[in-house]
Amino acid sequence: MGKNTMILTDKASVDDSKALNAFLNGEPPIPNAAQILQDLIQKKGIVKRWSNTDFNNLHYVRSDGATVNLFRVTDVTKAQATEISKALDLIDKWNIARFGKVVERVLGIKLRKRWF
């Protein structure tokens, strides 16, 4: 794992219902999407993460109450996803570059191409 790792991202305003629905109902499906949608409508800041072991992906949803971001890290084991999640919990100021640096540090790789 790690040779073909990529970071894929998506972003939507919590006020854009069309974008939110596309975001939450995309593939692969987001677990508990209905509850996440309710939290977003209420403009709650949220952090949700889950691993999809069928596809070796880590998914990370983060919202500050105004914007919601989805990050997907491909080609990672469940153990690697757990380590990435632990390291992400330590980030205080969020942006995609920091997210990518955490992934690179935890996996001990340099991403060939940054998808952000």
PDB file of N, CA and C in Angstrom:
ATOM      1  N   MET A   1       0.843  -1.177   0.000  1.00  0.00           N
ATOM      2  CA  MET A   1       0.000   0.000   0.000  1.00  0.00           C
ATOM      3  C   MET A   1       0.889   1.240   0.000  1.00  0.00           C
ATOM      4  N   GLY A   2       0.376   2.296  -0.570  1.00  0.00           N
ATOM      5  CA  GLY A   2       1.084   3.559  -0.565  1.00  0.00           C
ATOM      6  C   GLY A   2       1.665   3.938  -1.911  1.00  0.00           C
ATOM      7  N   LYS A   3       1.959   2.958  -2.751  1.00  0.00           N
ATOM      8  CA  LYS A   3       2.564   3.261  -4.047  1.00  0.00           C
ATOM      9  C   LYS A   3       1.629   4.082  -4.930  1.00  0.00           C
ATOM     10  N   ASN A   4       0.350   3.800  -4.859  1.00  0.00           N
ATOM     11  CA  ASN A   4      -0.635   4.494  -5.686  1.00  0.00           C
ATOM     12  C   ASN A   4      -1.524   5.431  -4.876  1.00  0.00           C
ATOM     13  N   THR A   5      -1.049   5.849  -3.717  1.00  0.00           N
ATOM     14  CA  THR A   5      -1.842   6.704  -2.844  1.00  0.00           C
ATOM     15  C   THR A   5      -2.093   8.057  -3.487  1.00  0.00           C
ATOM     16  N   MET A   6      -3.330   8.499  -3.396  1.00  0.00           N
ATOM     17  CA  MET A   6      -3.728   9.828  -3.862  1.00  0.00           C
ATOM     18  C   MET A   6      -4.628  10.456  -2.807  1.00  0.00           C
ATOM     19  N   ILE A   7      -4.697  11.764  -2.829  1.00  0.00           N
ATOM     20  CA  ILE A   7      -5.655  12.485  -2.005  1.00  0.00           C
ATOM     21  C   ILE A   7      -6.635  13.158  -2.951  1.00  0.00           C
ATOM     22  N   LEU A   8      -7.899  12.824  -2.785  1.00  0.00           N
ATOM     23  CA  LEU A   8      -8.963  13.420  -3.581  1.00  0.00           C
ATOM     24  C   LEU A   8      -9.786  14.304  -2.656  1.00  0.00           C
ATOM     25  N   THR A   9     -10.214  15.444  -3.137  1.00  0.00           N
ATOM     26  CA  THR A   9     -10.934  16.387  -2.279  1.00  0.00           C
ATOM     27  C   THR A   9     -12.208  16.878  -2.955  1.00  0.00           C
ATOM     28  N   ASP A  10     -13.119  17.321  -2.117  1.00  0.00           N
ATOM     29  CA  ASP A  10     -14.329  17.964  -2.591  1.00  0.00           C
ATOM     30  C   ASP A  10     -14.715  18.994  -1.547  1.00  0.00           C
ATOM     31  N   LYS A  11     -15.378  20.049  -1.973  1.00  0.00           N
ATOM     32  CA  LYS A  11     -15.713  21.146  -1.066  1.00  0.00           C
ATOM     33  C   LYS A  11     -17.077  21.697  -1.455  1.00  0.00           C
ATOM     34  N   ALA A  12     -17.875  22.071  -0.449  1.00  0.00           N
ATOM     35  CA  ALA A  12     -19.180  22.667  -0.715  1.00  0.00           C
ATOM     36  C   ALA A  12     -19.526  23.647   0.391  1.00  0.00           C
ATOM     37  N   SER A  13     -20.306  24.641   0.037  1.00  0.00           N
ATOM     38  CA  SER A  13     -20.841  25.568   1.030  1.00  0.00           C
ATOM     39  C   SER A  13     -22.033  24.897   1.698  1.00  0.00           C
ATOM     40  N   VAL A  14     -22.190  25.072   2.990  1.00  0.00           N
ATOM     41  CA  VAL A  14     -23.337  24.467   3.672  1.00  0.00           C
ATOM     42  C   VAL A  14     -24.642  25.150   3.258  1.00  0.00           C
ATOM     43  N   ASP A  15     -24.571  26.301   2.604  1.00  0.00           N
ATOM     44  CA  ASP A  15     -25.761  26.992   2.120  1.00  0.00           C
ATOM     45  C   ASP A  15     -26.167  26.561   0.715  1.00  0.00           C
ATOM     46  N   ASP A  16     -25.361  25.736   0.078  1.00  0.00           N
ATOM     47  CA  ASP A  16     -25.628  25.284  -1.288  1.00  0.00           C
ATOM     48  C   ASP A  16     -26.226  23.880  -1.240  1.00  0.00           C
ATOM     49  N   SER A  17     -27.547  23.793  -1.188  1.00  0.00           N
ATOM     50  CA  SER A  17     -28.208  22.496  -1.000  1.00  0.00           C
ATOM     51  C   SER A  17     -27.925  21.530  -2.145  1.00  0.00           C
ATOM     52  N   LYS A  18     -27.843  22.028  -3.374  1.00  0.00           N
ATOM     53  CA  LYS A  18     -27.561  21.152  -4.521  1.00  0.00           C
ATOM     54  C   LYS A  18     -26.166  20.531  -4.385  1.00  0.00           C
ATOM     55  N   ALA A  19     -25.177  21.351  -4.053  1.00  0.00           N
ATOM     56  CA  ALA A  19     -23.811  20.843  -3.884  1.00  0.00           C
ATOM     57  C   ALA A  19     -23.724  19.884  -2.702  1.00  0.00           C
ATOM     58  N   LEU A  20     -24.416  20.216  -1.607  1.00  0.00           N
ATOM     59  CA  LEU A  20     -24.395  19.335  -0.435  1.00  0.00           C
ATOM     60  C   LEU A  20     -24.986  17.974  -0.751  1.00  0.00           C
ATOM     61  N   ASN A  21     -26.112  17.954  -1.460  1.00  0.00           N
ATOM     62  CA  ASN A  21     -26.728  16.676  -1.811  1.00  0.00           C
ATOM     63  C   ASN A  21     -25.819  15.851  -2.714  1.00  0.00           C
ATOM     64  N   ALA A  22     -25.190  16.494  -3.689  1.00  0.00           N
ATOM     65  CA  ALA A  22     -24.261  15.782  -4.564  1.00  0.00           C
ATOM     66  C   ALA A  22     -23.078  15.259  -3.759  1.00  0.00           C
ATOM     67  N   PHE A  23     -22.604  16.080  -2.865  1.00  0.00           N
ATOM     68  CA  PHE A  23     -21.474  15.753  -2.003  1.00  0.00           C
ATOM     69  C   PHE A  23     -21.781  14.546  -1.117  1.00  0.00           C
ATOM     70  N   LEU A  24     -22.932  14.579  -0.451  1.00  0.00           N
ATOM     71  CA  LEU A  24     -23.274  13.529   0.515  1.00  0.00           C
ATOM     72  C   LEU A  24     -23.814  12.260  -0.137  1.00  0.00           C
ATOM     73  N   ASN A  25     -24.294  12.357  -1.375  1.00  0.00           N
ATOM     74  CA  ASN A  25     -24.870  11.192  -2.037  1.00  0.00           C
ATOM     75  C   ASN A  25     -23.990  10.650  -3.150  1.00  0.00           C
ATOM     76  N   GLY A  26     -22.719  11.037  -3.130  1.00  0.00           N
ATOM     77  CA  GLY A  26     -21.791  10.566  -4.155  1.00  0.00           C
ATOM     78  C   GLY A  26     -21.335   9.140  -3.903  1.00  0.00           C
ATOM     79  N   GLU A  27     -20.390   8.736  -4.672  1.00  0.00           N
ATOM     80  CA  GLU A  27     -19.803   7.401  -4.539  1.00  0.00           C
ATOM     81  C   GLU A  27     -18.368   7.535  -4.075  1.00  0.00           C
ATOM     82  N   PRO A  28     -17.919   6.707  -3.158  1.00  0.00           N
ATOM     83  CA  PRO A  28     -18.727   5.772  -2.385  1.00  0.00           C
ATOM     84  C   PRO A  28     -19.618   6.521  -1.405  1.00  0.00           C
ATOM     85  N   PRO A  29     -20.722   5.896  -0.986  1.00  0.00           N
ATOM     86  CA  PRO A  29     -21.660   6.578  -0.098  1.00  0.00           C
ATOM     87  C   PRO A  29     -21.032   6.926   1.252  1.00  0.00           C
ATOM     88  N   ILE A  30     -21.508   8.013   1.818  1.00  0.00           N
ATOM     89  CA  ILE A  30     -21.036   8.462   3.120  1.00  0.00           C
ATOM     90  C   ILE A  30     -21.919   7.848   4.195  1.00  0.00           C
ATOM     91  N   PRO A  31     -21.343   7.096   5.125  1.00  0.00           N
ATOM     92  CA  PRO A  31     -22.150   6.543   6.216  1.00  0.00           C
ATOM     93  C   PRO A  31     -22.774   7.670   7.038  1.00  0.00           C
ATOM     94  N   ASN A  32     -23.992   7.471   7.472  1.00  0.00           N
ATOM     95  CA  ASN A  32     -24.706   8.453   8.293  1.00  0.00           C
ATOM     96  C   ASN A  32     -24.859   9.797   7.591  1.00  0.00           C
ATOM     97  N   ALA A  33     -25.013   9.779   6.282  1.00  0.00           N
ATOM     98  CA  ALA A  33     -25.124  11.020   5.512  1.00  0.00           C
ATOM     99  C   ALA A  33     -26.295  11.879   5.981  1.00  0.00           C
ATOM    100  N   ALA A  34     -27.416  11.263   6.349  1.00  0.00           N
ATOM    101  CA  ALA A  34     -28.582  12.031   6.792  1.00  0.00           C
ATOM    102  C   ALA A  34     -28.268  12.814   8.064  1.00  0.00           C
ATOM    103  N   GLN A  35     -27.567  12.193   9.010  1.00  0.00           N
ATOM    104  CA  GLN A  35     -27.204  12.887  10.246  1.00  0.00           C
ATOM    105  C   GLN A  35     -26.181  13.988   9.974  1.00  0.00           C
ATOM    106  N   ILE A  36     -25.224  13.705   9.098  1.00  0.00           N
ATOM    107  CA  ILE A  36     -24.235  14.722   8.734  1.00  0.00           C
ATOM    108  C   ILE A  36     -24.934  15.912   8.099  1.00  0.00           C
ATOM    109  N   LEU A  37     -25.916  15.649   7.217  1.00  0.00           N
ATOM    110  CA  LEU A  37     -26.657  16.729   6.579  1.00  0.00           C
ATOM    111  C   LEU A  37     -27.371  17.587   7.622  1.00  0.00           C
ATOM    112  N   GLN A  38     -28.002  16.951   8.597  1.00  0.00           N
ATOM    113  CA  GLN A  38     -28.688  17.716   9.650  1.00  0.00           C
ATOM    114  C   GLN A  38     -27.703  18.590  10.428  1.00  0.00           C
ATOM    115  N   ASP A  39     -26.549  18.046  10.746  1.00  0.00           N
ATOM    116  CA  ASP A  39     -25.524  18.826  11.450  1.00  0.00           C
ATOM    117  C   ASP A  39     -25.061  20.007  10.611  1.00  0.00           C
ATOM    118  N   LEU A  40     -24.914  19.785   9.303  1.00  0.00           N
ATOM    119  CA  LEU A  40     -24.464  20.851   8.417  1.00  0.00           C
ATOM    120  C   LEU A  40     -25.521  21.940   8.269  1.00  0.00           C
ATOM    121  N   ILE A  41     -26.793  21.538   8.159  1.00  0.00           N
ATOM    122  CA  ILE A  41     -27.883  22.508   8.047  1.00  0.00           C
ATOM    123  C   ILE A  41     -27.921  23.404   9.286  1.00  0.00           C
ATOM    124  N   GLN A  42     -27.608  22.806  10.436  1.00  0.00           N
ATOM    125  CA  GLN A  42     -27.584  23.567  11.683  1.00  0.00           C
ATOM    126  C   GLN A  42     -26.276  24.340  11.850  1.00  0.00           C
ATOM    127  N   LYS A  43     -25.432  24.257  10.820  1.00  0.00           N
ATOM    128  CA  LYS A  43     -24.140  24.963  10.781  1.00  0.00           C
ATOM    129  C   LYS A  43     -23.229  24.580  11.945  1.00  0.00           C
ATOM    130  N   LYS A  44     -23.300  23.309  12.299  1.00  0.00           N
ATOM    131  CA  LYS A  44     -22.409  22.787  13.333  1.00  0.00           C
ATOM    132  C   LYS A  44     -21.053  22.477  12.711  1.00  0.00           C
ATOM    133  N   GLY A  45     -20.018  22.748  13.449  1.00  0.00           N
ATOM    134  CA  GLY A  45     -18.699  22.285  13.024  1.00  0.00           C
ATOM    135  C   GLY A  45     -18.631  20.781  13.267  1.00  0.00           C
ATOM    136  N   ILE A  46     -18.193  20.033  12.296  1.00  0.00           N
ATOM    137  CA  ILE A  46     -18.134  18.577  12.450  1.00  0.00           C
ATOM    138  C   ILE A  46     -16.821  18.030  11.922  1.00  0.00           C
ATOM    139  N   VAL A  47     -16.458  16.877  12.458  1.00  0.00           N
ATOM    140  CA  VAL A  47     -15.365  16.068  11.943  1.00  0.00           C
ATOM    141  C   VAL A  47     -15.858  14.636  11.960  1.00  0.00           C
ATOM    142  N   LYS A  48     -15.876  14.002  10.814  1.00  0.00           N
ATOM    143  CA  LYS A  48     -16.280  12.597  10.695  1.00  0.00           C
ATOM    144  C   LYS A  48     -15.223  11.881   9.877  1.00  0.00           C
ATOM    145  N   ARG A  49     -14.930  10.660  10.243  1.00  0.00           N
ATOM    146  CA  ARG A  49     -13.976   9.877   9.459  1.00  0.00           C
ATOM    147  C   ARG A  49     -14.393   8.419   9.468  1.00  0.00           C
ATOM    148  N   TRP A  50     -14.037   7.734   8.413  1.00  0.00           N
ATOM    149  CA  TRP A  50     -14.306   6.309   8.318  1.00  0.00           C
ATOM    150  C   TRP A  50     -13.394   5.713   7.268  1.00  0.00           C
ATOM    151  N   SER A  51     -13.184   4.426   7.401  1.00  0.00           N
ATOM    152  CA  SER A  51     -12.373   3.694   6.431  1.00  0.00           C
ATOM    153  C   SER A  51     -13.282   2.791   5.623  1.00  0.00           C
ATOM    154  N   ASN A  52     -12.985   2.663   4.359  1.00  0.00           N
ATOM    155  CA  ASN A  52     -13.694   1.742   3.495  1.00  0.00           C
ATOM    156  C   ASN A  52     -12.699   0.648   3.147  1.00  0.00           C
ATOM    157  N   THR A  53     -12.769  -0.456   3.881  1.00  0.00           N
ATOM    158  CA  THR A  53     -11.781  -1.523   3.697  1.00  0.00           C
ATOM    159  C   THR A  53     -11.952  -2.264   2.376  1.00  0.00           C
ATOM    160  N   ASP A  54     -13.135  -2.189   1.771  1.00  0.00           N
ATOM    161  CA  ASP A  54     -13.323  -2.823   0.463  1.00  0.00           C
ATOM    162  C   ASP A  54     -12.462  -2.157  -0.605  1.00  0.00           C
ATOM    163  N   PHE A  55     -12.246  -0.846  -0.443  1.00  0.00           N
ATOM    164  CA  PHE A  55     -11.492  -0.087  -1.435  1.00  0.00           C
ATOM    165  C   PHE A  55     -10.193   0.488  -0.890  1.00  0.00           C
ATOM    166  N   ASN A  56      -9.865   0.172   0.378  1.00  0.00           N
ATOM    167  CA  ASN A  56      -8.646   0.680   1.023  1.00  0.00           C
ATOM    168  C   ASN A  56      -8.574   2.209   0.981  1.00  0.00           C
ATOM    169  N   ASN A  57      -9.658   2.846   1.377  1.00  0.00           N
ATOM    170  CA  ASN A  57      -9.730   4.307   1.400  1.00  0.00           C
ATOM    171  C   ASN A  57     -10.011   4.811   2.801  1.00  0.00           C
ATOM    172  N   LEU A  58      -9.467   5.974   3.116  1.00  0.00           N
ATOM    173  CA  LEU A  58      -9.820   6.725   4.312  1.00  0.00           C
ATOM    174  C   LEU A  58     -10.618   7.932   3.850  1.00  0.00           C
ATOM    175  N   HIS A  59     -11.750   8.170   4.477  1.00  0.00           N
ATOM    176  CA  HIS A  59     -12.594   9.324   4.175  1.00  0.00           C
ATOM    177  C   HIS A  59     -12.629  10.218   5.402  1.00  0.00           C
ATOM    178  N   TYR A  60     -12.547  11.507   5.169  1.00  0.00           N
ATOM    179  CA  TYR A  60     -12.505  12.472   6.263  1.00  0.00           C
ATOM    180  C   TYR A  60     -13.371  13.659   5.871  1.00  0.00           C
ATOM    181  N   VAL A  61     -14.409  13.921   6.649  1.00  0.00           N
ATOM    182  CA  VAL A  61     -15.293  15.061   6.411  1.00  0.00           C
ATOM    183  C   VAL A  61     -15.057  16.062   7.526  1.00  0.00           C
ATOM    184  N   ARG A  62     -14.858  17.298   7.140  1.00  0.00           N
ATOM    185  CA  ARG A  62     -14.616  18.346   8.130  1.00  0.00           C
ATOM    186  C   ARG A  62     -15.380  19.598   7.714  1.00  0.00           C
ATOM    187  N   SER A  63     -16.097  20.194   8.683  1.00  0.00           N
ATOM    188  CA  SER A  63     -16.828  21.429   8.419  1.00  0.00           C
ATOM    189  C   SER A  63     -16.618  22.402   9.567  1.00  0.00           C
ATOM    190  N   ASP A  64     -16.493  23.673   9.199  1.00  0.00           N
ATOM    191  CA  ASP A  64     -16.386  24.731  10.200  1.00  0.00           C
ATOM    192  C   ASP A  64     -17.743  25.394  10.448  1.00  0.00           C
ATOM    193  N   GLY A  65     -18.798  24.849   9.855  1.00  0.00           N
ATOM    194  CA  GLY A  65     -20.136  25.410   9.980  1.00  0.00           C
ATOM    195  C   GLY A  65     -20.536  26.236   8.767  1.00  0.00           C
ATOM    196  N   ALA A  66     -19.566  26.623   7.944  1.00  0.00           N
ATOM    197  CA  ALA A  66     -19.850  27.401   6.738  1.00  0.00           C
ATOM    198  C   ALA A  66     -19.506  26.617   5.468  1.00  0.00           C
ATOM    199  N   THR A  67     -18.414  25.884   5.518  1.00  0.00           N
ATOM    200  CA  THR A  67     -17.931  25.104   4.385  1.00  0.00           C
ATOM    201  C   THR A  67     -17.680  23.676   4.849  1.00  0.00           C
ATOM    202  N   VAL A  68     -17.980  22.729   3.985  1.00  0.00           N
ATOM    203  CA  VAL A  68     -17.698  21.328   4.298  1.00  0.00           C
ATOM    204  C   VAL A  68     -16.680  20.817   3.283  1.00  0.00           C
ATOM    205  N   ASN A  69     -15.687  20.080   3.783  1.00  0.00           N
ATOM    206  CA  ASN A  69     -14.635  19.508   2.945  1.00  0.00           C
ATOM    207  C   ASN A  69     -14.627  17.996   3.107  1.00  0.00           C
ATOM    208  N   LEU A  70     -14.471  17.306   2.007  1.00  0.00           N
ATOM    209  CA  LEU A  70     -14.321  15.855   2.020  1.00  0.00           C
ATOM    210  C   LEU A  70     -12.938  15.539   1.485  1.00  0.00           C
ATOM    211  N   PHE A  71     -12.191  14.757   2.236  1.00  0.00           N
ATOM    212  CA  PHE A  71     -10.871  14.290   1.824  1.00  0.00           C
ATOM    213  C   PHE A  71     -10.927  12.778   1.721  1.00  0.00           C
ATOM    214  N   ARG A  72     -10.394  12.236   0.653  1.00  0.00           N
ATOM    215  CA  ARG A  72     -10.310  10.784   0.518  1.00  0.00           C
ATOM    216  C   ARG A  72      -8.866  10.430   0.214  1.00  0.00           C
ATOM    217  N   VAL A  73      -8.320   9.521   1.019  1.00  0.00           N
ATOM    218  CA  VAL A  73      -6.964   9.031   0.815  1.00  0.00           C
ATOM    219  C   VAL A  73      -7.103   7.608   0.286  1.00  0.00           C
ATOM    220  N   THR A  74      -6.579   7.375  -0.906  1.00  0.00           N
ATOM    221  CA  THR A  74      -6.714   6.059  -1.527  1.00  0.00           C
ATOM    222  C   THR A  74      -5.503   5.182  -1.223  1.00  0.00           C
ATOM    223  N   ASP A  75      -5.703   3.891  -1.369  1.00  0.00           N
ATOM    224  CA  ASP A  75      -4.623   2.902  -1.278  1.00  0.00           C
ATOM    225  C   ASP A  75      -3.932   2.904   0.086  1.00  0.00           C
ATOM    226  N   VAL A  76      -4.731   2.834   1.165  1.00  0.00           N
ATOM    227  CA  VAL A  76      -4.183   2.740   2.511  1.00  0.00           C
ATOM    228  C   VAL A  76      -4.837   1.575   3.249  1.00  0.00           C
ATOM    229  N   THR A  77      -4.072   0.954   4.119  1.00  0.00           N
ATOM    230  CA  THR A  77      -4.613  -0.121   4.949  1.00  0.00           C
ATOM    231  C   THR A  77      -5.428   0.488   6.085  1.00  0.00           C
ATOM    232  N   LYS A  78      -6.172  -0.343   6.773  1.00  0.00           N
ATOM    233  CA  LYS A  78      -6.949   0.133   7.921  1.00  0.00           C
ATOM    234  C   LYS A  78      -6.013   0.680   9.000  1.00  0.00           C
ATOM    235  N   ALA A  79      -4.890   0.022   9.228  1.00  0.00           N
ATOM    236  CA  ALA A  79      -3.919   0.496  10.228  1.00  0.00           C
ATOM    237  C   ALA A  79      -3.347   1.854   9.825  1.00  0.00           C
ATOM    238  N   GLN A  80      -3.029   2.028   8.548  1.00  0.00           N
ATOM    239  CA  GLN A  80      -2.526   3.312   8.073  1.00  0.00           C
ATOM    240  C   GLN A  80      -3.592   4.398   8.213  1.00  0.00           C
ATOM    241  N   ALA A  81      -4.836   4.053   7.902  1.00  0.00           N
ATOM    242  CA  ALA A  81      -5.936   5.014   8.039  1.00  0.00           C
ATOM    243  C   ALA A  81      -6.090   5.454   9.493  1.00  0.00           C
ATOM    244  N   THR A  82      -5.935   4.523  10.415  1.00  0.00           N
ATOM    245  CA  THR A  82      -6.019   4.849  11.838  1.00  0.00           C
ATOM    246  C   THR A  82      -4.901   5.805  12.241  1.00  0.00           C
ATOM    247  N   GLU A  83      -3.691   5.544  11.784  1.00  0.00           N
ATOM    248  CA  GLU A  83      -2.559   6.413  12.111  1.00  0.00           C
ATOM    249  C   GLU A  83      -2.727   7.809  11.496  1.00  0.00           C
ATOM    250  N   ILE A  84      -3.222   7.864  10.275  1.00  0.00           N
ATOM    251  CA  ILE A  84      -3.468   9.158   9.645  1.00  0.00           C
ATOM    252  C   ILE A  84      -4.516   9.929  10.442  1.00  0.00           C
ATOM    253  N   SER A  85      -5.588   9.258  10.837  1.00  0.00           N
ATOM    254  CA  SER A  85      -6.652   9.912  11.607  1.00  0.00           C
ATOM    255  C   SER A  85      -6.129  10.470  12.922  1.00  0.00           C
ATOM    256  N   LYS A  86      -5.298   9.707  13.603  1.00  0.00           N
ATOM    257  CA  LYS A  86      -4.718  10.187  14.870  1.00  0.00           C
ATOM    258  C   LYS A  86      -3.881  11.443  14.638  1.00  0.00           C
ATOM    259  N   ALA A  87      -3.087  11.444  13.587  1.00  0.00           N
ATOM    260  CA  ALA A  87      -2.239  12.599  13.293  1.00  0.00           C
ATOM    261  C   ALA A  87      -3.084  13.806  12.874  1.00  0.00           C
ATOM    262  N   LEU A  88      -4.177  13.569  12.158  1.00  0.00           N
ATOM    263  CA  LEU A  88      -5.043  14.664  11.729  1.00  0.00           C
ATOM    264  C   LEU A  88      -5.709  15.353  12.916  1.00  0.00           C
ATOM    265  N   ASP A  89      -5.966  14.598  13.969  1.00  0.00           N
ATOM    266  CA  ASP A  89      -6.584  15.174  15.168  1.00  0.00           C
ATOM    267  C   ASP A  89      -5.710  16.253  15.794  1.00  0.00           C
ATOM    268  N   LEU A  90      -4.422  16.265  15.466  1.00  0.00           N
ATOM    269  CA  LEU A  90      -3.492  17.227  16.053  1.00  0.00           C
ATOM    270  C   LEU A  90      -3.383  18.530  15.260  1.00  0.00           C
ATOM    271  N   ILE A  91      -4.011  18.584  14.088  1.00  0.00           N
ATOM    272  CA  ILE A  91      -3.950  19.793  13.260  1.00  0.00           C
ATOM    273  C   ILE A  91      -4.907  20.828  13.840  1.00  0.00           C
ATOM    274  N   ASP A  92      -4.400  22.032  14.088  1.00  0.00           N
ATOM    275  CA  ASP A  92      -5.276  23.079  14.610  1.00  0.00           C
ATOM    276  C   ASP A  92      -5.786  24.005  13.507  1.00  0.00           C
ATOM    277  N   LYS A  93      -4.959  24.340  12.546  1.00  0.00           N
ATOM    278  CA  LYS A  93      -5.392  25.160  11.417  1.00  0.00           C
ATOM    279  C   LYS A  93      -5.440  24.259  10.186  1.00  0.00           C
ATOM    280  N   TRP A  94      -6.635  24.131   9.626  1.00  0.00           N
ATOM    281  CA  TRP A  94      -6.852  23.171   8.557  1.00  0.00           C
ATOM    282  C   TRP A  94      -6.722  23.766   7.170  1.00  0.00           C
ATOM    283  N   ASN A  95      -6.037  23.033   6.314  1.00  0.00           N
ATOM    284  CA  ASN A  95      -6.069  23.281   4.879  1.00  0.00           C
ATOM    285  C   ASN A  95      -5.575  22.018   4.186  1.00  0.00           C
ATOM    286  N   ILE A  96      -5.779  21.940   2.910  1.00  0.00           N
ATOM    287  CA  ILE A  96      -5.457  20.718   2.176  1.00  0.00           C
ATOM    288  C   ILE A  96      -3.962  20.443   2.145  1.00  0.00           C
ATOM    289  N   ALA A  97      -3.149  21.478   2.119  1.00  0.00           N
ATOM    290  CA  ALA A  97      -1.699  21.257   2.117  1.00  0.00           C
ATOM    291  C   ALA A  97      -1.256  20.580   3.404  1.00  0.00           C
ATOM    292  N   ARG A  98      -1.774  21.032   4.530  1.00  0.00           N
ATOM    293  CA  ARG A  98      -1.431  20.380   5.805  1.00  0.00           C
ATOM    294  C   ARG A  98      -1.927  18.946   5.837  1.00  0.00           C
ATOM    295  N   PHE A  99      -3.126  18.727   5.311  1.00  0.00           N
ATOM    296  CA  PHE A  99      -3.666  17.374   5.238  1.00  0.00           C
ATOM    297  C   PHE A  99      -2.700  16.483   4.461  1.00  0.00           C
ATOM    298  N   GLY A 100      -2.257  16.956   3.296  1.00  0.00           N
ATOM    299  CA  GLY A 100      -1.339  16.175   2.469  1.00  0.00           C
ATOM    300  C   GLY A 100      -0.018  15.892   3.158  1.00  0.00           C
ATOM    301  N   LYS A 101       0.505  16.875   3.881  1.00  0.00           N
ATOM    302  CA  LYS A 101       1.772  16.678   4.598  1.00  0.00           C
ATOM    303  C   LYS A 101       1.640  15.625   5.690  1.00  0.00           C
ATOM    304  N   VAL A 102       0.487  15.615   6.368  1.00  0.00           N
ATOM    305  CA  VAL A 102       0.255  14.590   7.394  1.00  0.00           C
ATOM    306  C   VAL A 102       0.238  13.209   6.755  1.00  0.00           C
ATOM    307  N   VAL A 103      -0.454  13.071   5.648  1.00  0.00           N
ATOM    308  CA  VAL A 103      -0.517  11.776   4.958  1.00  0.00           C
ATOM    309  C   VAL A 103       0.878  11.332   4.543  1.00  0.00           C
ATOM    310  N   GLU A 104       1.643  12.231   3.955  1.00  0.00           N
ATOM    311  CA  GLU A 104       3.005  11.885   3.531  1.00  0.00           C
ATOM    312  C   GLU A 104       3.865  11.467   4.725  1.00  0.00           C
ATOM    313  N   ARG A 105       3.780  12.227   5.817  1.00  0.00           N
ATOM    314  CA  ARG A 105       4.599  11.912   6.994  1.00  0.00           C
ATOM    315  C   ARG A 105       4.226  10.551   7.588  1.00  0.00           C
ATOM    316  N   VAL A 106       2.941  10.298   7.748  1.00  0.00           N
ATOM    317  CA  VAL A 106       2.506   9.037   8.358  1.00  0.00           C
ATOM    318  C   VAL A 106       2.870   7.847   7.480  1.00  0.00           C
ATOM    319  N   LEU A 107       2.687   7.983   6.182  1.00  0.00           N
ATOM    320  CA  LEU A 107       2.969   6.867   5.279  1.00  0.00           C
ATOM    321  C   LEU A 107       4.451   6.764   4.909  1.00  0.00           C
ATOM    322  N   GLY A 108       5.228   7.812   5.197  1.00  0.00           N
ATOM    323  CA  GLY A 108       6.644   7.798   4.853  1.00  0.00           C
ATOM    324  C   GLY A 108       6.879   7.838   3.358  1.00  0.00           C
ATOM    325  N   ILE A 109       5.999   8.550   2.656  1.00  0.00           N
ATOM    326  CA  ILE A 109       6.118   8.641   1.197  1.00  0.00           C
ATOM    327  C   ILE A 109       6.049  10.101   0.773  1.00  0.00           C
ATOM    328  N   LYS A 110       6.415  10.339  -0.448  1.00  0.00           N
ATOM    329  CA  LYS A 110       6.209  11.629  -1.085  1.00  0.00           C
ATOM    330  C   LYS A 110       5.182  11.364  -2.179  1.00  0.00           C
ATOM    331  N   LEU A 111       4.051  12.035  -2.109  1.00  0.00           N
ATOM    332  CA  LEU A 111       3.030  11.824  -3.127  1.00  0.00           C
ATOM    333  C   LEU A 111       3.573  12.267  -4.474  1.00  0.00           C
ATOM    334  N   ARG A 112       3.378  11.431  -5.479  1.00  0.00           N
ATOM    335  CA  ARG A 112       3.878  11.733  -6.813  1.00  0.00           C
ATOM    336  C   ARG A 112       3.218  12.966  -7.383  1.00  0.00           C
ATOM    337  N   LYS A 113       1.939  13.051  -7.177  1.00  0.00           N
ATOM    338  CA  LYS A 113       1.201  14.193  -7.701  1.00  0.00           C
ATOM    339  C   LYS A 113       0.199  14.595  -6.636  1.00  0.00           C
ATOM    340  N   ARG A 114       0.201  15.829  -6.301  1.00  0.00           N
ATOM    341  CA  ARG A 114      -0.765  16.313  -5.306  1.00  0.00           C
ATOM    342  C   ARG A 114      -2.075  16.618  -6.031  1.00  0.00           C
ATOM    343  N   TRP A 115      -3.141  16.105  -5.495  1.00  0.00           N
ATOM    344  CA  TRP A 115      -4.465  16.270  -6.109  1.00  0.00           C
ATOM    345  C   TRP A 115      -5.223  17.395  -5.437  1.00  0.00           C
ATOM    346  N   PHE A 116      -4.484  18.374  -4.950  1.00  0.00           N
ATOM    347  CA  PHE A 116      -5.120  19.498  -4.260  1.00  0.00           C
ATOM    348  C   PHE A 116      -4.405  20.778  -4.593  1.00  0.00           C
TER     349      PHE A 116
END
